[in-house]
Amino acid sequence: MRANASATQDEAYELGRQWAKVYEPESPTRKLIDEIMDTYYLVNVVHNDFKKPEAIFEPFFKAGAEYAAKRGGPTANGTATNGHAH
């Protein structure tokens, strides 16, 4: 198990590893699951402002817009690559 990982992350990691074992070691599905388990992170984002339910997405929209701007990314009609208006 990974150091400093929460119980939820440890459980998700173990479930992913068990799920991978359902498939033959050289199968494309097994390789994909193993790759995901080796390279992805489990992130839990909590938002408690029920009066502004969309606010949880604001940091992600901002980061996406900034990333697109740095790369000269595609925008059309004032809409960012994530499909939301600026």
Protein backbone atom coordinates (compact mmCIF):
# COMPACT_ATOMS: atom_id res chain seq x y z
CA MET A 1 0.00 0.00 0.00
CA ARG A 2 1.05 3.57 -0.59
CA ALA A 3 2.40 5.70 2.24
CA ASN A 4 0.07 8.41 3.57
CA ALA A 5 -2.92 7.08 1.60
CA SER A 6 -6.34 7.26 3.16
CA ALA A 7 -8.38 4.14 3.86
CA THR A 8 -10.65 4.96 0.91
CA GLN A 9 -7.70 5.25 -1.46
CA ASP A 10 -6.23 2.00 -0.16
CA GLU A 11 -9.56 0.25 -0.63
CA ALA A 12 -10.01 1.63 -4.15
CA TYR A 13 -6.46 0.64 -5.04
CA GLU A 14 -6.95 -2.90 -3.76
CA LEU A 15 -10.28 -3.27 -5.58
CA GLY A 16 -8.64 -2.13 -8.81
CA ARG A 17 -5.86 -4.67 -8.39
CA GLN A 18 -8.38 -7.45 -7.68
CA TRP A 19 -10.48 -6.42 -10.67
CA ALA A 20 -7.41 -6.61 -12.93
CA LYS A 21 -6.79 -10.21 -11.85
CA VAL A 22 -10.09 -11.25 -13.45
CA TYR A 23 -8.36 -10.90 -16.84
CA GLU A 24 -5.43 -12.80 -18.33
CA PRO A 25 -2.08 -11.08 -17.63
CA GLU A 26 -1.38 -10.24 -21.28
CA SER A 27 -4.93 -9.18 -22.20
CA PRO A 28 -5.52 -5.57 -23.29
CA THR A 29 -8.10 -5.14 -20.51
CA ARG A 30 -5.67 -6.28 -17.81
CA LYS A 31 -2.96 -4.00 -19.19
CA LEU A 32 -5.35 -1.05 -19.21
CA ILE A 33 -6.51 -1.62 -15.64
CA ASP A 34 -2.92 -2.06 -14.46
CA GLU A 35 -1.92 1.15 -16.23
CA ILE A 36 -4.78 3.05 -14.63
CA MET A 37 -3.92 1.69 -11.19
CA ASP A 38 -0.25 2.65 -11.68
CA THR A 39 -0.75 6.14 -13.10
CA TYR A 40 -4.05 7.63 -11.85
CA TYR A 41 -4.88 9.18 -8.51
CA LEU A 42 -8.10 8.96 -6.56
CA VAL A 43 -9.24 12.45 -5.66
CA ASN A 44 -12.21 13.34 -3.51
CA VAL A 45 -13.54 16.89 -3.85
CA VAL A 46 -16.00 18.04 -1.19
CA HIS A 47 -18.31 21.02 -1.58
CA ASN A 48 -20.61 22.09 1.21
CA ASP A 49 -22.13 25.31 -0.13
CA PHE A 50 -25.59 24.03 -1.08
CA LYS A 51 -26.68 27.57 -1.99
CA LYS A 52 -24.17 27.59 -4.85
CA PRO A 53 -24.25 24.01 -6.18
CA GLU A 54 -22.24 24.85 -9.32
CA ALA A 55 -19.42 26.46 -7.30
CA ILE A 56 -17.64 23.13 -6.91
CA PHE A 57 -16.81 23.19 -10.62
CA GLU A 58 -15.49 26.77 -10.76
CA PRO A 59 -11.83 25.94 -9.97
CA PHE A 60 -11.84 23.25 -12.65
CA PHE A 61 -13.40 25.57 -15.26
CA LYS A 62 -10.84 28.25 -14.39
CA ALA A 63 -7.92 25.83 -14.60
CA GLY A 64 -9.21 24.48 -17.92
CA ALA A 65 -9.58 27.97 -19.37
CA GLU A 66 -6.09 28.93 -18.19
CA TYR A 67 -4.63 25.75 -19.67
CA ALA A 68 -6.39 26.35 -22.99
CA ALA A 69 -5.20 29.97 -23.05
CA LYS A 70 -1.57 28.92 -22.47
CA ARG A 71 -1.75 26.44 -25.30
CA GLY A 72 -3.67 28.76 -27.58
CA GLY A 73 -6.43 26.21 -27.22
CA PRO A 74 -9.64 26.15 -29.17
CA THR A 75 -12.44 28.38 -28.09
CA ALA A 76 -15.46 29.24 -30.14
CA ASN A 77 -18.10 31.87 -29.54
CA GLY A 78 -16.80 32.57 -26.04
CA THR A 79 -17.05 28.92 -25.03
CA ALA A 80 -14.08 27.18 -23.47
CA THR A 81 -13.02 23.68 -24.46
CA ASN A 82 -15.06 22.33 -21.53
CA GLY A 83 -18.27 23.58 -23.13
CA HIS A 84 -18.97 26.30 -20.59
CA ALA A 85 -19.07 30.02 -21.26
CA HIS A 86 -16.29 32.16 -19.88
